[in-house]
């Protein structure tokens, strides 16, 4: 299964050349962007590119001819996403430091949390939707999240004041642990759902 995870780096040689320049550009030019947005972009770069490549090349036919079970193929996707997200966010943190732009650990936590949620909702789409439509759906979804997230926060503040007050009353550690637990559950459910769909899919 390790070879399946390593494969994502091998097939993205060209895209990976663009990774550091893209993150550097966002750090230097995107001063108006929240730091967590840059960490989110870094986290999704490799896993989403890997899925997009497989969609275009119809790699699932080849993968199913190799001595791997379908459970292992899905597991490599979800475990690999965690590995490459952590690696990418670590590299982005290094670039932040090298170019003298400060950030907080909270930014990393928020960026990683959003990335996990995006993975949880987008990965199953690659097994549910027909090839050719998935990239467009994901791109539109990311743009909508970026545009609507400030409005969602405003809505919560204006109309869901009791919930906001409740969240403010919770200690930071409890809030982080609760959020982490929620994300683990959502990610696990997504994993199991993708595995079920993939097991029944014909290639």
N, C-alpha and C. Protein backbone atom coordinates (compact mmCIF):
# COMPACT_ATOMS: atom_id res chain seq x y z
N UNK A 1 0.83 -1.21 0.00
CA UNK A 1 0.00 0.00 0.00
C UNK A 1 0.86 1.26 0.00
N UNK A 2 2.08 1.13 0.57
CA UNK A 2 3.00 2.27 0.57
C UNK A 2 3.33 2.71 -0.85
N UNK A 3 3.45 1.74 -1.76
CA UNK A 3 3.75 2.07 -3.15
C UNK A 3 2.62 2.86 -3.81
N UNK A 4 1.39 2.58 -3.39
CA UNK A 4 0.26 3.34 -3.92
C UNK A 4 0.32 4.79 -3.46
N UNK A 5 0.73 4.99 -2.22
CA UNK A 5 0.85 6.36 -1.68
C UNK A 5 2.00 7.08 -2.38
N UNK A 6 3.12 6.38 -2.55
CA UNK A 6 4.29 6.98 -3.20
C UNK A 6 4.00 7.32 -4.66
N UNK A 7 3.10 6.57 -5.28
CA UNK A 7 2.76 6.79 -6.68
C UNK A 7 2.24 8.21 -6.94
N UNK A 8 1.54 8.79 -5.94
CA UNK A 8 0.98 10.13 -6.11
C UNK A 8 2.06 11.18 -6.36
N UNK A 9 3.23 10.97 -5.76
CA UNK A 9 4.34 11.90 -6.02
C UNK A 9 4.95 11.68 -7.40
N UNK A 10 5.05 10.41 -7.79
CA UNK A 10 5.69 10.09 -9.06
C UNK A 10 4.90 10.63 -10.24
N UNK A 11 3.57 10.53 -10.18
CA UNK A 11 2.75 10.96 -11.32
C UNK A 11 2.56 12.47 -11.38
N UNK A 12 3.06 13.19 -10.35
CA UNK A 12 2.85 14.64 -10.31
C UNK A 12 4.16 15.43 -10.43
N UNK A 13 5.09 14.92 -11.15
CA UNK A 13 6.40 15.58 -11.25
C UNK A 13 6.27 17.01 -11.75
N UNK A 14 5.45 17.21 -12.77
CA UNK A 14 5.29 18.55 -13.34
C UNK A 14 4.56 19.47 -12.38
N UNK A 15 3.45 18.96 -11.79
CA UNK A 15 2.67 19.79 -10.87
C UNK A 15 3.46 20.18 -9.62
N UNK A 16 4.32 19.26 -9.14
CA UNK A 16 5.09 19.52 -7.93
C UNK A 16 6.12 20.63 -8.14
N UNK A 17 6.57 20.78 -9.38
CA UNK A 17 7.50 21.88 -9.69
C UNK A 17 6.81 23.23 -9.44
N UNK A 18 5.50 23.27 -9.61
CA UNK A 18 4.74 24.50 -9.44
C UNK A 18 4.32 24.74 -7.99
N UNK A 19 4.46 23.72 -7.15
CA UNK A 19 3.93 23.82 -5.78
C UNK A 19 4.59 24.93 -4.98
N UNK A 20 5.91 24.88 -4.87
CA UNK A 20 6.63 25.90 -4.07
C UNK A 20 6.43 27.31 -4.63
N UNK A 21 6.55 27.52 -5.97
CA UNK A 21 6.29 28.87 -6.49
C UNK A 21 4.88 29.37 -6.20
N UNK A 22 3.88 28.48 -6.26
CA UNK A 22 2.50 28.89 -5.97
C UNK A 22 2.34 29.34 -4.53
N UNK A 23 2.87 28.54 -3.60
CA UNK A 23 2.77 28.89 -2.18
C UNK A 23 3.56 30.17 -1.90
N UNK A 24 4.74 30.28 -2.50
CA UNK A 24 5.55 31.50 -2.31
C UNK A 24 4.81 32.72 -2.83
N UNK A 25 4.17 32.59 -3.98
CA UNK A 25 3.40 33.70 -4.56
C UNK A 25 2.27 34.12 -3.62
N UNK A 26 1.57 33.16 -3.06
CA UNK A 26 0.47 33.48 -2.15
C UNK A 26 0.98 34.16 -0.88
N UNK A 27 2.14 33.72 -0.40
CA UNK A 27 2.70 34.31 0.82
C UNK A 27 3.14 35.75 0.58
N UNK A 28 3.80 35.99 -0.56
CA UNK A 28 4.36 37.31 -0.83
C UNK A 28 3.33 38.30 -1.37
N UNK A 29 2.47 37.83 -2.25
CA UNK A 29 1.52 38.72 -2.91
C UNK A 29 0.16 38.72 -2.22
N UNK A 30 -0.21 37.59 -1.65
CA UNK A 30 -1.54 37.48 -1.06
C UNK A 30 -1.60 37.91 0.39
N UNK A 31 -1.11 39.10 0.69
CA UNK A 31 -1.13 39.58 2.07
C UNK A 31 -2.55 39.79 2.58
N UNK A 32 -3.51 39.97 1.64
CA UNK A 32 -4.90 40.17 2.03
C UNK A 32 -5.60 38.85 2.35
N UNK A 33 -4.95 37.73 1.98
CA UNK A 33 -5.55 36.41 2.23
C UNK A 33 -5.29 35.98 3.67
N UNK A 34 -6.27 35.36 4.30
CA UNK A 34 -6.03 34.79 5.63
C UNK A 34 -4.95 33.70 5.55
N UNK A 35 -4.14 33.61 6.58
CA UNK A 35 -3.07 32.61 6.57
C UNK A 35 -3.62 31.20 6.44
N UNK A 36 -4.77 30.94 7.10
CA UNK A 36 -5.31 29.58 7.06
C UNK A 36 -5.70 29.18 5.64
N UNK A 37 -6.05 30.16 4.80
CA UNK A 37 -6.42 29.85 3.42
C UNK A 37 -5.20 29.32 2.64
N UNK A 38 -4.03 29.89 2.91
CA UNK A 38 -2.81 29.43 2.25
C UNK A 38 -2.46 28.01 2.71
N UNK A 39 -2.62 27.75 4.01
CA UNK A 39 -2.36 26.40 4.51
C UNK A 39 -3.36 25.41 3.91
N UNK A 40 -4.61 25.85 3.75
CA UNK A 40 -5.61 24.98 3.15
C UNK A 40 -5.24 24.65 1.70
N UNK A 41 -4.83 25.67 0.94
CA UNK A 41 -4.43 25.46 -0.45
C UNK A 41 -3.26 24.49 -0.53
N UNK A 42 -2.28 24.67 0.37
CA UNK A 42 -1.12 23.77 0.38
C UNK A 42 -1.55 22.34 0.68
N UNK A 43 -2.48 22.18 1.62
CA UNK A 43 -2.90 20.85 2.04
C UNK A 43 -3.64 20.07 0.97
N UNK A 44 -4.43 20.76 0.14
CA UNK A 44 -5.24 20.04 -0.85
C UNK A 44 -4.49 19.81 -2.16
N UNK A 45 -3.35 20.48 -2.36
CA UNK A 45 -2.68 20.50 -3.65
C UNK A 45 -2.37 19.10 -4.20
N UNK A 46 -1.62 18.30 -3.45
CA UNK A 46 -1.18 16.99 -3.94
C UNK A 46 -2.32 15.97 -4.01
N UNK A 47 -3.12 15.80 -2.94
CA UNK A 47 -4.19 14.78 -3.01
C UNK A 47 -5.23 15.04 -4.10
N UNK A 48 -5.66 16.30 -4.25
CA UNK A 48 -6.68 16.60 -5.27
C UNK A 48 -6.09 16.44 -6.67
N UNK A 49 -4.83 16.85 -6.86
CA UNK A 49 -4.18 16.65 -8.15
C UNK A 49 -4.08 15.17 -8.51
N UNK A 50 -3.80 14.34 -7.50
CA UNK A 50 -3.69 12.90 -7.74
C UNK A 50 -5.03 12.33 -8.20
N UNK A 51 -6.10 12.73 -7.54
CA UNK A 51 -7.43 12.26 -7.94
C UNK A 51 -7.77 12.75 -9.35
N UNK A 52 -7.45 14.02 -9.63
CA UNK A 52 -7.76 14.58 -10.95
C UNK A 52 -7.01 13.85 -12.05
N UNK A 53 -5.74 13.51 -11.77
CA UNK A 53 -4.94 12.77 -12.75
C UNK A 53 -5.57 11.41 -13.03
N UNK A 54 -5.96 10.72 -11.96
CA UNK A 54 -6.55 9.39 -12.12
C UNK A 54 -7.87 9.46 -12.89
N UNK A 55 -8.59 10.55 -12.68
CA UNK A 55 -9.86 10.72 -13.40
C UNK A 55 -9.61 10.84 -14.91
N UNK A 56 -8.59 11.61 -15.27
CA UNK A 56 -8.31 11.83 -16.69
C UNK A 56 -7.71 10.58 -17.35
N UNK A 57 -6.86 9.88 -16.62
CA UNK A 57 -6.16 8.72 -17.20
C UNK A 57 -6.89 7.40 -17.00
N UNK A 58 -8.05 7.46 -16.28
CA UNK A 58 -8.80 6.24 -15.98
C UNK A 58 -7.89 5.19 -15.32
N UNK A 59 -7.14 5.64 -14.32
CA UNK A 59 -6.15 4.79 -13.66
C UNK A 59 -6.78 3.65 -12.87
N UNK A 60 -8.06 3.79 -12.50
CA UNK A 60 -8.68 2.75 -11.67
C UNK A 60 -8.68 1.39 -12.36
N UNK A 61 -8.74 1.38 -13.69
CA UNK A 61 -8.68 0.11 -14.41
C UNK A 61 -7.33 -0.57 -14.17
N UNK A 62 -6.26 0.24 -14.22
CA UNK A 62 -4.92 -0.30 -13.98
C UNK A 62 -4.76 -0.73 -12.53
N UNK A 63 -5.22 0.10 -11.60
CA UNK A 63 -5.07 -0.21 -10.17
C UNK A 63 -5.75 -1.53 -9.82
N UNK A 64 -6.90 -1.79 -10.44
CA UNK A 64 -7.63 -3.01 -10.12
C UNK A 64 -7.02 -4.25 -10.76
N UNK A 65 -6.05 -4.03 -11.64
CA UNK A 65 -5.33 -5.18 -12.23
C UNK A 65 -4.08 -5.53 -11.41
N UNK A 66 -3.75 -4.67 -10.46
CA UNK A 66 -2.58 -4.90 -9.61
C UNK A 66 -2.97 -5.74 -8.39
N UNK A 67 -1.98 -6.33 -7.71
CA UNK A 67 -2.28 -7.19 -6.55
C UNK A 67 -2.64 -6.40 -5.29
N UNK A 68 -3.63 -5.53 -5.41
CA UNK A 68 -4.13 -4.76 -4.27
C UNK A 68 -5.64 -4.94 -4.20
N UNK A 69 -6.16 -5.05 -2.99
CA UNK A 69 -7.61 -5.11 -2.84
C UNK A 69 -8.19 -3.70 -2.98
N UNK A 70 -9.47 -3.63 -3.22
CA UNK A 70 -10.11 -2.32 -3.35
C UNK A 70 -10.09 -1.55 -2.02
N UNK A 71 -10.13 -2.28 -0.92
CA UNK A 71 -10.00 -1.63 0.39
C UNK A 71 -8.64 -0.96 0.53
N UNK A 72 -7.59 -1.63 0.07
CA UNK A 72 -6.24 -1.06 0.14
C UNK A 72 -6.11 0.17 -0.76
N UNK A 73 -6.75 0.15 -1.91
CA UNK A 73 -6.68 1.29 -2.82
C UNK A 73 -7.32 2.51 -2.18
N UNK A 74 -8.50 2.32 -1.58
CA UNK A 74 -9.17 3.45 -0.91
C UNK A 74 -8.38 3.89 0.31
N UNK A 75 -7.86 2.94 1.07
CA UNK A 75 -7.08 3.28 2.26
C UNK A 75 -5.86 4.10 1.89
N UNK A 76 -5.21 3.74 0.77
CA UNK A 76 -4.02 4.50 0.34
C UNK A 76 -4.39 5.93 0.00
N UNK A 77 -5.59 6.14 -0.52
CA UNK A 77 -6.06 7.49 -0.84
C UNK A 77 -6.23 8.33 0.42
N UNK A 78 -6.93 7.77 1.38
CA UNK A 78 -7.25 8.54 2.58
C UNK A 78 -6.03 8.71 3.50
N UNK A 79 -5.22 7.66 3.63
CA UNK A 79 -4.00 7.78 4.44
C UNK A 79 -2.99 8.68 3.74
N UNK A 80 -2.86 8.50 2.43
CA UNK A 80 -1.95 9.34 1.65
C UNK A 80 -2.32 10.81 1.73
N UNK A 81 -3.62 11.11 1.73
CA UNK A 81 -4.07 12.50 1.82
C UNK A 81 -3.61 13.13 3.14
N UNK A 82 -3.70 12.36 4.22
CA UNK A 82 -3.24 12.87 5.53
C UNK A 82 -1.74 13.13 5.49
N UNK A 83 -0.99 12.17 4.94
CA UNK A 83 0.47 12.28 4.89
C UNK A 83 0.89 13.49 4.06
N UNK A 84 0.34 13.63 2.86
CA UNK A 84 0.75 14.72 1.97
C UNK A 84 0.25 16.07 2.46
N UNK A 85 -0.90 16.08 3.13
CA UNK A 85 -1.38 17.33 3.71
C UNK A 85 -0.42 17.81 4.80
N UNK A 86 -0.01 16.90 5.68
CA UNK A 86 0.92 17.26 6.76
C UNK A 86 2.25 17.73 6.18
N UNK A 87 2.74 17.02 5.16
CA UNK A 87 4.00 17.38 4.53
C UNK A 87 3.91 18.76 3.87
N UNK A 88 2.82 19.02 3.18
CA UNK A 88 2.64 20.28 2.46
C UNK A 88 2.48 21.45 3.42
N UNK A 89 1.72 21.25 4.49
CA UNK A 89 1.55 22.31 5.47
C UNK A 89 2.86 22.60 6.18
N UNK A 90 3.66 21.55 6.44
CA UNK A 90 4.98 21.75 7.03
C UNK A 90 5.88 22.56 6.11
N UNK A 91 5.83 22.27 4.81
CA UNK A 91 6.62 23.02 3.84
C UNK A 91 6.14 24.46 3.75
N UNK A 92 4.82 24.65 3.76
CA UNK A 92 4.27 26.01 3.73
C UNK A 92 4.69 26.81 4.96
N UNK A 93 4.71 26.16 6.13
CA UNK A 93 5.16 26.82 7.36
C UNK A 93 6.61 27.28 7.23
N UNK A 94 7.44 26.42 6.62
CA UNK A 94 8.85 26.77 6.40
C UNK A 94 8.98 27.99 5.49
N UNK A 95 8.16 28.03 4.44
CA UNK A 95 8.19 29.18 3.52
C UNK A 95 7.70 30.45 4.21
N UNK A 96 6.69 30.33 5.05
CA UNK A 96 6.23 31.48 5.84
C UNK A 96 7.40 32.04 6.65
N UNK A 97 8.13 31.14 7.30
CA UNK A 97 9.25 31.55 8.15
C UNK A 97 10.37 32.19 7.33
N UNK A 98 10.70 31.56 6.20
CA UNK A 98 11.81 32.06 5.37
C UNK A 98 11.52 33.45 4.80
N UNK A 99 10.26 33.73 4.49
CA UNK A 99 9.92 35.02 3.90
C UNK A 99 9.42 36.02 4.94
N UNK A 100 9.59 35.69 6.21
CA UNK A 100 9.32 36.63 7.28
C UNK A 100 7.86 36.98 7.49
N UNK A 101 6.97 36.11 7.09
CA UNK A 101 5.54 36.36 7.33
C UNK A 101 5.09 35.53 8.52
N UNK A 102 4.60 36.20 9.53
CA UNK A 102 4.22 35.51 10.76
C UNK A 102 2.87 34.81 10.59
N UNK A 103 2.69 33.78 11.36
CA UNK A 103 1.41 33.05 11.38
C UNK A 103 1.25 32.43 12.76
N UNK A 104 0.04 31.96 13.03
CA UNK A 104 -0.24 31.35 14.32
C UNK A 104 -0.56 29.87 14.13
N UNK A 105 -0.37 29.10 15.18
CA UNK A 105 -0.72 27.69 15.12
C UNK A 105 -2.22 27.51 14.85
N UNK A 106 -3.00 28.49 15.29
CA UNK A 106 -4.45 28.45 15.02
C UNK A 106 -4.72 28.44 13.52
N UNK A 107 -3.90 29.19 12.76
CA UNK A 107 -4.07 29.22 11.31
C UNK A 107 -3.83 27.83 10.70
N UNK A 108 -2.82 27.14 11.21
CA UNK A 108 -2.55 25.78 10.72
C UNK A 108 -3.71 24.86 11.08
N UNK A 109 -4.21 25.00 12.32
CA UNK A 109 -5.31 24.14 12.77
C UNK A 109 -6.56 24.36 11.93
N UNK A 110 -6.90 25.63 11.67
CA UNK A 110 -8.09 25.94 10.87
C UNK A 110 -7.90 25.46 9.43
N UNK A 111 -6.71 25.73 8.86
CA UNK A 111 -6.43 25.29 7.51
C UNK A 111 -6.52 23.77 7.37
N UNK A 112 -5.94 23.05 8.34
CA UNK A 112 -5.99 21.58 8.30
C UNK A 112 -7.41 21.07 8.47
N UNK A 113 -8.18 21.72 9.36
CA UNK A 113 -9.56 21.29 9.60
C UNK A 113 -10.41 21.45 8.34
N UNK A 114 -10.28 22.60 7.68
CA UNK A 114 -11.04 22.83 6.44
C UNK A 114 -10.61 21.84 5.36
N UNK A 115 -9.30 21.56 5.30
CA UNK A 115 -8.79 20.60 4.32
C UNK A 115 -9.38 19.22 4.54
N UNK A 116 -9.43 18.78 5.79
CA UNK A 116 -10.02 17.47 6.10
C UNK A 116 -11.49 17.42 5.67
N UNK A 117 -12.23 18.49 5.95
CA UNK A 117 -13.65 18.53 5.58
C UNK A 117 -13.80 18.49 4.06
N UNK A 118 -12.94 19.23 3.36
CA UNK A 118 -12.98 19.22 1.89
C UNK A 118 -12.69 17.81 1.36
N UNK A 119 -11.68 17.15 1.93
CA UNK A 119 -11.38 15.79 1.53
C UNK A 119 -12.59 14.87 1.74
N UNK A 120 -13.19 15.02 2.92
CA UNK A 120 -14.29 14.13 3.29
C UNK A 120 -15.47 14.24 2.32
N UNK A 121 -15.69 15.45 1.80
CA UNK A 121 -16.84 15.65 0.91
C UNK A 121 -16.49 15.48 -0.57
N UNK A 122 -15.22 15.70 -0.93
CA UNK A 122 -14.86 15.61 -2.36
C UNK A 122 -14.39 14.22 -2.78
N UNK A 123 -13.70 13.49 -1.91
CA UNK A 123 -13.20 12.17 -2.30
C UNK A 123 -14.30 11.23 -2.79
N UNK A 124 -15.44 11.15 -2.08
CA UNK A 124 -16.50 10.26 -2.59
C UNK A 124 -17.03 10.66 -3.96
N UNK A 125 -16.91 11.96 -4.31
CA UNK A 125 -17.41 12.41 -5.61
C UNK A 125 -16.67 11.73 -6.76
N UNK A 126 -15.40 11.41 -6.54
CA UNK A 126 -14.62 10.77 -7.59
C UNK A 126 -15.11 9.35 -7.90
N UNK A 127 -15.90 8.78 -6.99
CA UNK A 127 -16.45 7.46 -7.23
C UNK A 127 -17.94 7.49 -7.56
N UNK A 128 -18.56 8.65 -7.32
CA UNK A 128 -20.00 8.78 -7.58
C UNK A 128 -20.29 9.45 -8.93
N UNK A 129 -19.50 10.47 -9.27
CA UNK A 129 -19.76 11.24 -10.49
C UNK A 129 -19.00 10.66 -11.68
N UNK A 130 -19.49 10.97 -12.85
CA UNK A 130 -18.82 10.53 -14.07
C UNK A 130 -17.55 11.34 -14.29
N UNK A 131 -16.51 10.73 -14.85
CA UNK A 131 -15.28 11.47 -15.16
C UNK A 131 -15.57 12.66 -16.07
N UNK A 132 -14.89 13.76 -15.79
CA UNK A 132 -15.09 14.97 -16.59
C UNK A 132 -15.87 16.04 -15.85
N UNK A 133 -16.69 15.61 -14.86
CA UNK A 133 -17.50 16.56 -14.12
C UNK A 133 -16.92 16.89 -12.75
N UNK A 134 -16.06 16.00 -12.26
CA UNK A 134 -15.61 16.11 -10.87
C UNK A 134 -14.76 17.34 -10.64
N UNK A 135 -13.79 17.59 -11.53
CA UNK A 135 -12.91 18.75 -11.36
C UNK A 135 -13.69 20.04 -11.32
N UNK A 136 -14.70 20.16 -12.18
CA UNK A 136 -15.52 21.38 -12.21
C UNK A 136 -16.30 21.54 -10.92
N UNK A 137 -16.89 20.44 -10.43
CA UNK A 137 -17.67 20.49 -9.20
C UNK A 137 -16.79 20.92 -8.03
N UNK A 138 -15.58 20.35 -7.93
CA UNK A 138 -14.67 20.68 -6.83
C UNK A 138 -14.22 22.13 -6.91
N UNK A 139 -13.86 22.58 -8.11
CA UNK A 139 -13.42 23.96 -8.28
C UNK A 139 -14.51 24.94 -7.88
N UNK A 140 -15.72 24.70 -8.35
CA UNK A 140 -16.85 25.56 -8.00
C UNK A 140 -17.10 25.53 -6.50
N UNK A 141 -16.99 24.32 -5.91
CA UNK A 141 -17.22 24.18 -4.47
C UNK A 141 -16.21 24.98 -3.65
N UNK A 142 -14.92 24.91 -4.02
CA UNK A 142 -13.88 25.64 -3.29
C UNK A 142 -14.11 27.15 -3.41
N UNK A 143 -14.46 27.61 -4.63
CA UNK A 143 -14.73 29.04 -4.83
C UNK A 143 -15.92 29.48 -3.99
N UNK A 144 -16.98 28.67 -3.96
CA UNK A 144 -18.16 29.02 -3.18
C UNK A 144 -17.85 29.07 -1.68
N UNK A 145 -17.05 28.11 -1.21
CA UNK A 145 -16.66 28.10 0.20
C UNK A 145 -15.88 29.36 0.54
N UNK A 146 -14.95 29.73 -0.33
CA UNK A 146 -14.14 30.93 -0.11
C UNK A 146 -15.02 32.19 -0.07
N UNK A 147 -15.99 32.25 -0.97
CA UNK A 147 -16.85 33.44 -1.05
C UNK A 147 -17.87 33.49 0.09
N UNK A 148 -18.45 32.33 0.40
CA UNK A 148 -19.57 32.30 1.34
C UNK A 148 -19.15 32.18 2.81
N UNK A 149 -17.91 31.76 3.07
CA UNK A 149 -17.51 31.56 4.46
C UNK A 149 -17.63 32.82 5.31
N UNK A 150 -17.22 34.02 4.82
CA UNK A 150 -17.41 35.22 5.65
C UNK A 150 -18.88 35.50 5.92
N UNK A 151 -19.74 35.26 4.92
CA UNK A 151 -21.18 35.48 5.11
C UNK A 151 -21.76 34.48 6.10
N UNK A 152 -21.23 33.25 6.08
CA UNK A 152 -21.70 32.24 7.03
C UNK A 152 -21.36 32.65 8.46
N UNK A 153 -20.15 33.19 8.64
CA UNK A 153 -19.75 33.66 9.97
C UNK A 153 -20.66 34.80 10.43
N UNK A 154 -20.96 35.74 9.52
CA UNK A 154 -21.85 36.86 9.85
C UNK A 154 -23.23 36.35 10.21
N UNK A 155 -23.72 35.36 9.48
CA UNK A 155 -25.03 34.78 9.76
C UNK A 155 -25.06 34.16 11.16
N UNK A 156 -24.00 33.42 11.49
CA UNK A 156 -23.93 32.81 12.81
C UNK A 156 -23.94 33.86 13.91
N UNK A 157 -23.22 34.95 13.68
CA UNK A 157 -23.14 36.00 14.70
C UNK A 157 -24.47 36.74 14.86
N UNK A 158 -25.18 36.93 13.75
CA UNK A 158 -26.42 37.72 13.79
C UNK A 158 -27.64 36.92 14.22
N UNK A 159 -27.72 35.66 13.81
CA UNK A 159 -28.95 34.90 14.00
C UNK A 159 -28.81 33.70 14.95
N UNK A 160 -27.60 33.32 15.22
CA UNK A 160 -27.40 32.18 16.11
C UNK A 160 -26.57 32.59 17.31
N UNK A 161 -26.96 33.70 17.91
CA UNK A 161 -26.20 34.27 19.03
C UNK A 161 -26.03 33.28 20.19
N UNK A 162 -27.09 32.53 20.58
CA UNK A 162 -26.89 31.57 21.68
C UNK A 162 -25.78 30.56 21.41
N UNK A 163 -25.70 30.09 20.15
CA UNK A 163 -24.65 29.12 19.82
C UNK A 163 -23.28 29.77 19.90
N UNK A 164 -23.20 31.03 19.40
CA UNK A 164 -21.94 31.76 19.45
C UNK A 164 -21.49 31.96 20.89
N UNK A 165 -22.44 32.34 21.77
CA UNK A 165 -22.11 32.54 23.18
C UNK A 165 -21.66 31.22 23.82
N UNK A 166 -22.32 30.14 23.42
CA UNK A 166 -21.95 28.83 23.97
C UNK A 166 -20.52 28.46 23.55
N UNK A 167 -20.20 28.69 22.28
CA UNK A 167 -18.85 28.39 21.79
C UNK A 167 -17.81 29.24 22.49
N UNK A 168 -18.18 30.51 22.78
CA UNK A 168 -17.24 31.40 23.46
C UNK A 168 -17.01 30.96 24.90
N UNK A 169 -17.99 30.30 25.48
CA UNK A 169 -17.87 29.88 26.88
C UNK A 169 -17.03 28.60 27.02
N UNK A 170 -16.84 27.90 25.92
CA UNK A 170 -16.06 26.65 25.97
C UNK A 170 -14.57 26.98 25.96
N UNK A 171 -13.82 26.23 26.72
CA UNK A 171 -12.38 26.44 26.75
C UNK A 171 -11.76 26.09 25.40
N UNK A 172 -10.63 26.69 25.11
CA UNK A 172 -9.97 26.46 23.82
C UNK A 172 -9.62 24.99 23.62
N UNK A 173 -9.11 24.35 24.66
CA UNK A 173 -8.72 22.94 24.54
C UNK A 173 -9.93 22.05 24.25
N UNK A 174 -11.05 22.34 24.93
CA UNK A 174 -12.27 21.57 24.70
C UNK A 174 -12.79 21.78 23.29
N UNK A 175 -12.72 23.01 22.82
CA UNK A 175 -13.18 23.32 21.47
C UNK A 175 -12.33 22.60 20.43
N UNK A 176 -11.00 22.60 20.63
CA UNK A 176 -10.11 21.92 19.70
C UNK A 176 -10.35 20.41 19.70
N UNK A 177 -10.50 19.83 20.89
CA UNK A 177 -10.72 18.40 21.00
C UNK A 177 -12.06 18.01 20.37
N UNK A 178 -13.09 18.82 20.63
CA UNK A 178 -14.40 18.55 20.05
C UNK A 178 -14.38 18.64 18.53
N UNK A 179 -13.69 19.67 18.03
CA UNK A 179 -13.58 19.84 16.58
C UNK A 179 -12.80 18.68 15.96
N UNK A 180 -11.70 18.29 16.63
CA UNK A 180 -10.90 17.18 16.12
C UNK A 180 -11.71 15.89 16.08
N UNK A 181 -12.49 15.66 17.14
CA UNK A 181 -13.33 14.46 17.18
C UNK A 181 -14.37 14.46 16.06
N UNK A 182 -14.97 15.62 15.84
CA UNK A 182 -15.97 15.75 14.77
C UNK A 182 -15.35 15.47 13.41
N UNK A 183 -14.15 16.04 13.18
CA UNK A 183 -13.47 15.86 11.89
C UNK A 183 -13.09 14.40 11.68
N UNK A 184 -12.61 13.74 12.74
CA UNK A 184 -12.25 12.31 12.63
C UNK A 184 -13.47 11.49 12.24
N UNK A 185 -14.62 11.79 12.85
CA UNK A 185 -15.84 11.05 12.55
C UNK A 185 -16.26 11.28 11.09
N UNK A 186 -16.25 12.55 10.65
CA UNK A 186 -16.66 12.87 9.27
C UNK A 186 -15.72 12.20 8.27
N UNK A 187 -14.41 12.26 8.55
CA UNK A 187 -13.41 11.67 7.65
C UNK A 187 -13.57 10.15 7.58
N UNK A 188 -13.82 9.53 8.73
CA UNK A 188 -14.00 8.08 8.78
C UNK A 188 -15.25 7.65 8.02
N UNK A 189 -16.35 8.39 8.21
CA UNK A 189 -17.59 8.08 7.50
C UNK A 189 -17.37 8.21 5.99
N UNK A 190 -16.65 9.26 5.59
CA UNK A 190 -16.35 9.45 4.17
C UNK A 190 -15.53 8.27 3.63
N UNK A 191 -14.54 7.86 4.40
CA UNK A 191 -13.69 6.72 4.03
C UNK A 191 -14.53 5.47 3.81
N UNK A 192 -15.38 5.15 4.78
CA UNK A 192 -16.21 3.95 4.69
C UNK A 192 -17.21 4.05 3.54
N UNK A 193 -17.74 5.25 3.31
CA UNK A 193 -18.67 5.45 2.21
C UNK A 193 -17.98 5.23 0.87
N UNK A 194 -16.80 5.84 0.70
CA UNK A 194 -16.05 5.67 -0.54
C UNK A 194 -15.68 4.20 -0.77
N UNK A 195 -15.31 3.53 0.32
CA UNK A 195 -14.95 2.12 0.22
C UNK A 195 -16.14 1.28 -0.25
N UNK A 196 -17.32 1.57 0.29
CA UNK A 196 -18.53 0.84 -0.09
C UNK A 196 -18.87 1.05 -1.56
N UNK A 197 -18.81 2.32 -1.99
CA UNK A 197 -19.11 2.66 -3.39
C UNK A 197 -18.10 1.99 -4.32
N UNK A 198 -16.82 2.06 -3.93
CA UNK A 198 -15.74 1.53 -4.79
C UNK A 198 -15.83 0.01 -4.92
N UNK A 199 -16.23 -0.64 -3.83
CA UNK A 199 -16.35 -2.11 -3.85
C UNK A 199 -17.40 -2.55 -4.87
N UNK A 200 -18.44 -1.73 -5.04
CA UNK A 200 -19.54 -2.11 -5.93
C UNK A 200 -19.38 -1.58 -7.35
N UNK A 201 -18.34 -0.79 -7.56
CA UNK A 201 -18.16 -0.16 -8.87
C UNK A 201 -17.52 -1.12 -9.85
N UNK A 202 -18.00 -1.07 -11.09
CA UNK A 202 -17.44 -1.93 -12.14
C UNK A 202 -16.48 -1.14 -13.01
N UNK A 203 -15.31 -1.73 -13.30
CA UNK A 203 -14.30 -1.09 -14.15
C UNK A 203 -14.01 -1.99 -15.34
